[in-house]
């Protein structure tokens, strides 16, 4: 068995995973803010699981720039590591082989082996949450680019001089197509015509700071006009981005994951229609299939554990 660990900005989630992708047991801890404390916390949750199960290797999944050999972390925006040999440090602490992977890559591989992308050769995985994470599978294998950071689809500019992005650019796709973007759009619409939004205004008690993507989705399910308009805007931008994905990669399948995908019935059909209209050669080319992820928030854990298993046989 192997351990997969999803190292998030607020919590660390670890799971013992068998060869069929089943999580047998889990451990969790808050994410510390310093290198030493974070590495000790990882060793603690891995050790806790290794005491109960025979574990052969560990896979770490995190949002950040991973070195091509999958041993180091160049930069992780929500973690303390900077140019850190993370795999070697954790391996020394736990006494097991360790591999590191981008969390979107890990989730994509989990969906490829055990979920929505089973049997597909060319797959783009798009995780829509606070921002956008993405992965590209070619013949079932992760494509990482020359320096290990491809593909950063969420930071493709789609609106010149648009909304500022934490990456330093303006108008990035994730600023218009994410849970954060959904909330921002709703706030803009509320400022223009809040009287048409009784449900959303009730949920946030007229405080724009309380608007979240989840609350917007909840209001849209109740038919709130402003929330539905915000969801339509998300669908339009998702369709625009999917057309770009088609033009660049021409995949056979796109899998939509992340927390926002839980609200897919509210936006995915419209996004699919918009993509079909926007793609180059519309009406004269095959369109890729679009599916929602099946493994939910456990995908990164399962995928990291799968990578750890593969590393044992390399």
Protein backbone atom coordinates (compact mmCIF):
# COMPACT_ATOMS: atom_id res chain seq x y z
CA UNK A 1 0.00 0.00 0.00
CA UNK A 2 1.04 3.60 -0.44
CA UNK A 3 0.19 6.90 1.21
CA UNK A 4 -1.08 9.89 -0.73
CA UNK A 5 -0.95 13.31 0.90
CA UNK A 6 -2.83 16.41 -0.27
CA UNK A 7 -0.81 19.31 1.13
CA UNK A 8 -3.21 22.24 1.09
CA UNK A 9 -2.82 25.79 2.27
CA UNK A 10 -4.96 25.23 5.37
CA UNK A 11 -4.89 21.47 5.98
CA UNK A 12 -2.86 18.36 5.22
CA UNK A 13 -4.92 15.29 4.30
CA UNK A 14 -3.27 11.87 4.05
CA UNK A 15 -4.71 8.52 3.05
CA UNK A 16 -3.60 4.91 2.76
CA UNK A 17 -4.58 3.77 -0.73
CA UNK A 18 -4.61 0.26 -2.17
CA UNK A 19 -3.89 -0.79 -5.76
CA UNK A 20 -7.55 -0.31 -6.74
CA UNK A 21 -7.55 3.35 -5.69
CA UNK A 22 -9.56 2.76 -2.52
CA UNK A 23 -8.74 4.93 0.49
CA UNK A 24 -8.55 2.61 3.49
CA UNK A 25 -7.74 5.07 6.24
CA UNK A 26 -7.04 8.80 6.62
CA UNK A 27 -5.20 11.27 8.83
CA UNK A 28 -5.39 15.06 8.87
CA UNK A 29 -3.60 18.02 10.44
CA UNK A 30 -3.58 21.82 10.01
CA UNK A 31 -0.90 23.17 7.66
CA UNK A 32 1.98 24.82 9.55
CA UNK A 33 3.62 27.97 8.19
CA UNK A 34 7.34 27.11 8.40
CA UNK A 35 9.38 24.50 6.52
CA UNK A 36 10.41 22.56 9.60
CA UNK A 37 6.96 22.50 11.17
CA UNK A 38 5.33 21.53 7.87
CA UNK A 39 7.75 18.67 7.29
CA UNK A 40 7.27 17.45 10.86
CA UNK A 41 3.50 17.52 10.40
CA UNK A 42 3.78 15.50 7.18
CA UNK A 43 6.00 12.95 8.90
CA UNK A 44 3.50 12.73 11.73
CA UNK A 45 0.44 11.94 9.57
CA UNK A 46 2.40 9.51 7.38
CA UNK A 47 3.82 7.81 10.48
CA UNK A 48 0.36 7.54 11.99
CA UNK A 49 -0.90 5.65 8.94
CA UNK A 50 2.28 3.58 8.55
CA UNK A 51 1.83 2.29 12.09
CA UNK A 52 -1.51 0.77 11.08
CA UNK A 53 -0.73 -0.44 7.52
CA UNK A 54 2.30 -1.83 5.63
CA UNK A 55 3.25 1.19 3.52
CA UNK A 56 5.82 1.11 0.72
CA UNK A 57 6.06 4.72 -0.48
CA UNK A 58 4.58 8.22 -0.13
CA UNK A 59 3.25 10.67 -2.71
CA UNK A 60 2.80 14.38 -1.95
CA UNK A 61 0.36 16.49 -4.01
CA UNK A 62 0.43 20.29 -3.75
CA UNK A 63 -0.27 23.44 -5.73
CA UNK A 64 3.06 24.80 -6.92
CA UNK A 65 5.99 24.49 -9.30
CA UNK A 66 7.53 21.03 -9.02
CA UNK A 67 10.98 20.14 -10.39
CA UNK A 68 10.91 17.78 -13.41
CA UNK A 69 12.35 14.91 -11.33
CA UNK A 70 9.39 15.32 -8.93
CA UNK A 71 11.66 15.65 -5.92
CA UNK A 72 11.77 19.36 -5.26
CA UNK A 73 9.38 22.30 -4.88
CA UNK A 74 10.48 25.51 -6.58
CA UNK A 75 7.54 27.59 -5.40
CA UNK A 76 4.21 26.94 -3.71
CA UNK A 77 2.05 30.05 -3.25
CA UNK A 78 0.21 28.76 -0.17
CA UNK A 79 3.13 26.92 1.48
CA UNK A 80 6.50 27.95 2.88
CA UNK A 81 8.74 25.87 0.59
CA UNK A 82 11.01 27.78 -1.81
CA UNK A 83 13.55 25.81 -3.91
CA UNK A 84 13.31 23.03 -1.33
CA UNK A 85 14.38 19.35 -1.75
CA UNK A 86 11.09 18.24 -0.23
CA UNK A 87 11.13 14.57 -1.26
CA UNK A 88 14.54 13.94 0.30
CA UNK A 89 13.63 15.79 3.49
CA UNK A 90 10.41 13.86 4.01
CA UNK A 91 12.03 10.55 3.02
CA UNK A 92 14.66 11.07 5.72
CA UNK A 93 11.94 11.67 8.29
CA UNK A 94 9.64 8.75 7.41
CA UNK A 95 12.14 6.20 6.09
CA UNK A 96 10.18 5.64 2.87
CA UNK A 97 10.57 6.67 -0.80
CA UNK A 98 8.79 9.96 -1.53
CA UNK A 99 7.63 11.55 -4.79
CA UNK A 100 6.16 15.06 -5.21
CA UNK A 101 3.57 16.11 -7.79
CA UNK A 102 1.38 19.08 -8.67
CA UNK A 103 -2.06 18.48 -7.18
CA UNK A 104 -3.87 18.93 -10.52
CA UNK A 105 -1.58 16.33 -12.14
CA UNK A 106 -2.24 13.93 -9.28
CA UNK A 107 -6.01 14.44 -9.54
CA UNK A 108 -5.92 13.98 -13.31
CA UNK A 109 -4.09 10.68 -12.97
CA UNK A 110 -6.56 9.50 -10.36
CA UNK A 111 -9.44 10.28 -12.70
CA UNK A 112 -7.57 8.54 -15.55
CA UNK A 113 -7.10 5.31 -13.60
CA UNK A 114 -10.19 5.23 -11.41
CA UNK A 115 -12.69 7.89 -12.48
CA UNK A 116 -14.12 10.06 -15.23
CA UNK A 117 -11.13 9.83 -17.60
CA UNK A 118 -10.83 6.04 -17.63
CA UNK A 119 -9.75 4.78 -21.05
CA UNK A 120 -9.12 8.22 -22.55
CA UNK A 121 -5.70 8.90 -24.05
CA UNK A 122 -5.66 12.70 -24.48
CA UNK A 123 -7.23 14.45 -21.52
CA UNK A 124 -7.26 17.97 -20.13
CA UNK A 125 -8.21 18.15 -16.46
CA UNK A 126 -9.49 21.52 -15.19
CA UNK A 127 -9.95 21.97 -11.44
CA UNK A 128 -12.16 24.99 -10.80
CA UNK A 129 -11.99 26.11 -7.20
CA UNK A 130 -10.54 29.23 -5.61
CA UNK A 131 -8.59 29.51 -8.88
CA UNK A 132 -7.99 27.13 -11.77
CA UNK A 133 -5.60 24.20 -11.68
CA UNK A 134 -5.02 22.19 -14.82
CA UNK A 135 -3.27 19.12 -16.15
CA UNK A 136 -2.64 17.56 -19.55
CA UNK A 137 -2.45 13.80 -20.16
CA UNK A 138 -0.99 12.57 -23.43
CA UNK A 139 -1.42 8.84 -24.05
CA UNK A 140 -2.33 8.59 -20.40
CA UNK A 141 0.92 10.23 -19.21
CA UNK A 142 1.28 13.61 -17.51
CA UNK A 143 2.82 16.31 -19.70
CA UNK A 144 4.85 18.64 -17.48
CA UNK A 145 6.70 20.79 -20.01
CA UNK A 146 10.43 21.41 -20.18
CA UNK A 147 10.65 22.85 -16.66
CA UNK A 148 7.86 20.97 -14.89
CA UNK A 149 5.21 23.71 -14.68
CA UNK A 150 2.89 23.08 -17.66
CA UNK A 151 0.04 23.77 -18.20
CA UNK A 152 -0.95 26.93 -16.30
CA UNK A 153 -4.27 27.41 -18.07
CA UNK A 154 -5.77 29.48 -15.27
CA UNK A 155 -3.28 32.25 -15.98
CA UNK A 156 -3.97 32.61 -19.68
CA UNK A 157 -5.12 36.24 -20.10
CA UNK A 158 -8.63 36.37 -21.55
CA UNK A 159 -9.50 40.02 -20.83
CA UNK A 160 -6.89 42.66 -21.72
CA UNK A 161 -6.35 44.89 -18.67
CA UNK A 162 -9.02 42.91 -16.83
CA UNK A 163 -9.32 41.98 -13.18
CA UNK A 164 -5.96 41.87 -11.35
CA UNK A 165 -4.66 38.39 -10.55
CA UNK A 166 -2.40 37.37 -7.63
CA UNK A 167 0.05 36.03 -10.24
CA UNK A 168 0.85 39.64 -11.18
CA UNK A 169 -1.01 39.75 -14.50
CA UNK A 170 -4.43 41.15 -15.31
CA UNK A 171 -7.41 39.44 -16.91
CA UNK A 172 -6.41 35.81 -16.25
CA UNK A 173 -8.98 33.13 -17.02
CA UNK A 174 -9.33 32.16 -13.35
CA UNK A 175 -10.31 35.76 -12.49
CA UNK A 176 -13.49 35.16 -14.54
CA UNK A 177 -14.00 31.38 -14.17
CA UNK A 178 -13.57 30.17 -10.57
CA UNK A 179 -15.29 30.26 -7.22
CA UNK A 180 -13.52 33.55 -6.49
CA UNK A 181 -14.60 34.92 -9.87
CA UNK A 182 -18.20 33.86 -9.30
CA UNK A 183 -18.28 35.84 -6.06
CA UNK A 184 -16.62 38.88 -7.68
CA UNK A 185 -19.13 38.88 -10.52
CA UNK A 186 -22.04 38.62 -8.08
CA UNK A 187 -20.71 41.57 -6.06
CA UNK A 188 -20.48 43.67 -9.23
CA UNK A 189 -24.03 42.73 -10.21
CA UNK A 190 -25.37 43.40 -6.71
CA UNK A 191 -23.86 46.89 -6.79
CA UNK A 192 -25.74 47.62 -10.02
CA UNK A 193 -29.08 46.04 -9.20
CA UNK A 194 -29.22 44.45 -5.75
CA UNK A 195 -33.00 44.82 -5.56
CA UNK A 196 -33.34 41.89 -8.00
CA UNK A 197 -31.48 39.60 -5.61
CA UNK A 198 -33.63 38.82 -2.58
CA UNK A 199 -32.11 35.38 -1.93
CA UNK A 200 -28.46 36.36 -2.28
CA UNK A 201 -28.94 39.53 -0.25
CA UNK A 202 -30.52 37.46 2.51
CA UNK A 203 -27.63 34.96 2.47
CA UNK A 204 -24.98 37.66 2.76
CA UNK A 205 -27.01 40.12 4.89
CA UNK A 206 -26.18 43.01 2.51
CA UNK A 207 -22.44 42.66 3.28
CA UNK A 208 -20.48 42.19 0.01
CA UNK A 209 -17.61 40.71 2.01
CA UNK A 210 -19.78 37.69 2.80
CA UNK A 211 -20.41 36.83 -0.85
CA UNK A 212 -18.78 33.50 -1.72
CA UNK A 213 -19.02 31.24 -4.71
CA UNK A 214 -20.89 28.67 -2.62
CA UNK A 215 -23.48 31.23 -1.52
CA UNK A 216 -23.94 32.45 -5.08
CA UNK A 217 -24.51 28.87 -6.24
CA UNK A 218 -26.99 28.27 -3.40
CA UNK A 219 -28.91 31.41 -4.38
CA UNK A 220 -28.89 30.40 -8.05
CA UNK A 221 -30.49 27.07 -7.13
CA UNK A 222 -33.34 29.08 -5.59
CA UNK A 223 -33.73 31.13 -8.77
CA UNK A 224 -32.19 34.38 -7.52
CA UNK A 225 -31.87 36.66 -10.56
CA UNK A 226 -28.45 38.14 -9.79
CA UNK A 227 -27.00 34.77 -8.77
CA UNK A 228 -28.29 33.20 -11.98
CA UNK A 229 -26.74 36.02 -14.02
CA UNK A 230 -23.42 35.48 -12.24
CA UNK A 231 -23.63 31.76 -12.99
CA UNK A 232 -24.38 32.52 -16.65
CA UNK A 233 -21.27 34.70 -16.75
CA UNK A 234 -19.20 31.86 -15.29
CA UNK A 235 -20.59 29.52 -17.95
CA UNK A 236 -19.69 31.97 -20.71
CA UNK A 237 -16.11 32.29 -19.52
CA UNK A 238 -15.78 28.55 -19.06
CA UNK A 239 -16.95 28.05 -22.64
CA UNK A 240 -14.47 30.67 -23.85
CA UNK A 241 -11.63 28.90 -22.07
CA UNK A 242 -12.71 25.49 -23.33
CA UNK A 243 -12.55 26.84 -26.89
CA UNK A 244 -8.94 27.90 -26.24
CA UNK A 245 -8.20 24.43 -24.83
CA UNK A 246 -9.62 22.87 -27.99
CA UNK A 247 -7.58 25.13 -30.27
CA UNK A 248 -4.30 24.45 -28.45
CA UNK A 249 -4.58 20.80 -27.36
CA UNK A 250 -7.48 19.24 -29.33
CA UNK A 251 -8.14 16.65 -26.57
CA UNK A 252 -10.69 13.89 -26.76
CA UNK A 253 -11.94 14.60 -23.22
CA UNK A 254 -12.02 17.44 -20.73
CA UNK A 255 -12.73 16.59 -17.09
CA UNK A 256 -14.05 19.40 -14.89
CA UNK A 257 -13.15 19.00 -11.22
CA UNK A 258 -12.66 21.21 -8.20
CA UNK A 259 -15.22 22.54 -5.75
CA UNK A 260 -17.14 24.56 -8.34
CA UNK A 261 -17.81 21.39 -10.34
CA UNK A 262 -20.30 20.38 -7.63
CA UNK A 263 -22.57 23.06 -9.12
CA UNK A 264 -22.09 21.84 -12.70
CA UNK A 265 -25.84 21.42 -13.40
CA UNK A 266 -26.12 25.21 -13.06
CA UNK A 267 -23.56 26.08 -15.74
CA UNK A 268 -22.08 23.16 -17.67
CA UNK A 269 -24.68 22.81 -20.43
CA UNK A 270 -24.47 26.51 -21.25
CA UNK A 271 -20.66 26.39 -21.14
CA UNK A 272 -20.68 23.44 -23.55
CA UNK A 273 -22.93 25.34 -25.98
CA UNK A 274 -20.75 28.45 -25.78
CA UNK A 275 -17.60 26.39 -26.40
CA UNK A 276 -19.23 24.78 -29.46
CA UNK A 277 -19.95 28.24 -30.89
CA UNK A 278 -16.56 29.75 -30.03
CA UNK A 279 -14.15 27.01 -31.13
CA UNK A 280 -12.23 27.57 -34.35
CA UNK A 281 -14.00 25.77 -37.19
CA UNK A 282 -17.25 25.57 -35.28
CA UNK A 283 -19.64 23.15 -36.94
CA UNK A 284 -16.89 21.56 -39.03
CA UNK A 285 -14.82 19.67 -36.45
CA UNK A 286 -15.43 17.07 -33.74
CA UNK A 287 -15.99 18.44 -30.27
CA UNK A 288 -14.31 16.92 -27.25
CA UNK A 289 -16.40 15.25 -24.57
CA UNK A 290 -16.85 17.05 -21.25
CA UNK A 291 -17.34 15.14 -18.01
CA UNK A 292 -17.33 16.12 -14.36
CA UNK A 293 -14.81 14.49 -12.05
CA UNK A 294 -15.92 11.44 -10.10
CA UNK A 295 -13.43 11.30 -7.22
CA UNK A 296 -14.20 14.65 -5.61
CA UNK A 297 -11.76 16.06 -3.08
CA UNK A 298 -10.06 12.67 -2.64
CA UNK A 299 -8.60 12.73 -6.18
CA UNK A 300 -5.27 14.32 -5.23
CA UNK A 301 -4.73 11.81 -2.41
CA UNK A 302 -5.53 8.85 -4.68
CA UNK A 303 -3.40 10.21 -7.52
CA UNK A 304 -0.40 10.93 -5.29
CA UNK A 305 -0.60 7.43 -3.86
CA UNK A 306 -0.75 6.01 -7.39
CA UNK A 307 2.37 7.96 -8.36
CA UNK A 308 4.15 6.65 -5.27
CA UNK A 309 3.24 3.11 -6.32
CA UNK A 310 4.60 3.72 -9.83
CA UNK A 311 7.81 5.17 -8.41
CA UNK A 312 8.46 1.90 -6.58
CA UNK A 313 8.60 0.03 -9.90
CA UNK A 314 10.77 2.54 -11.82
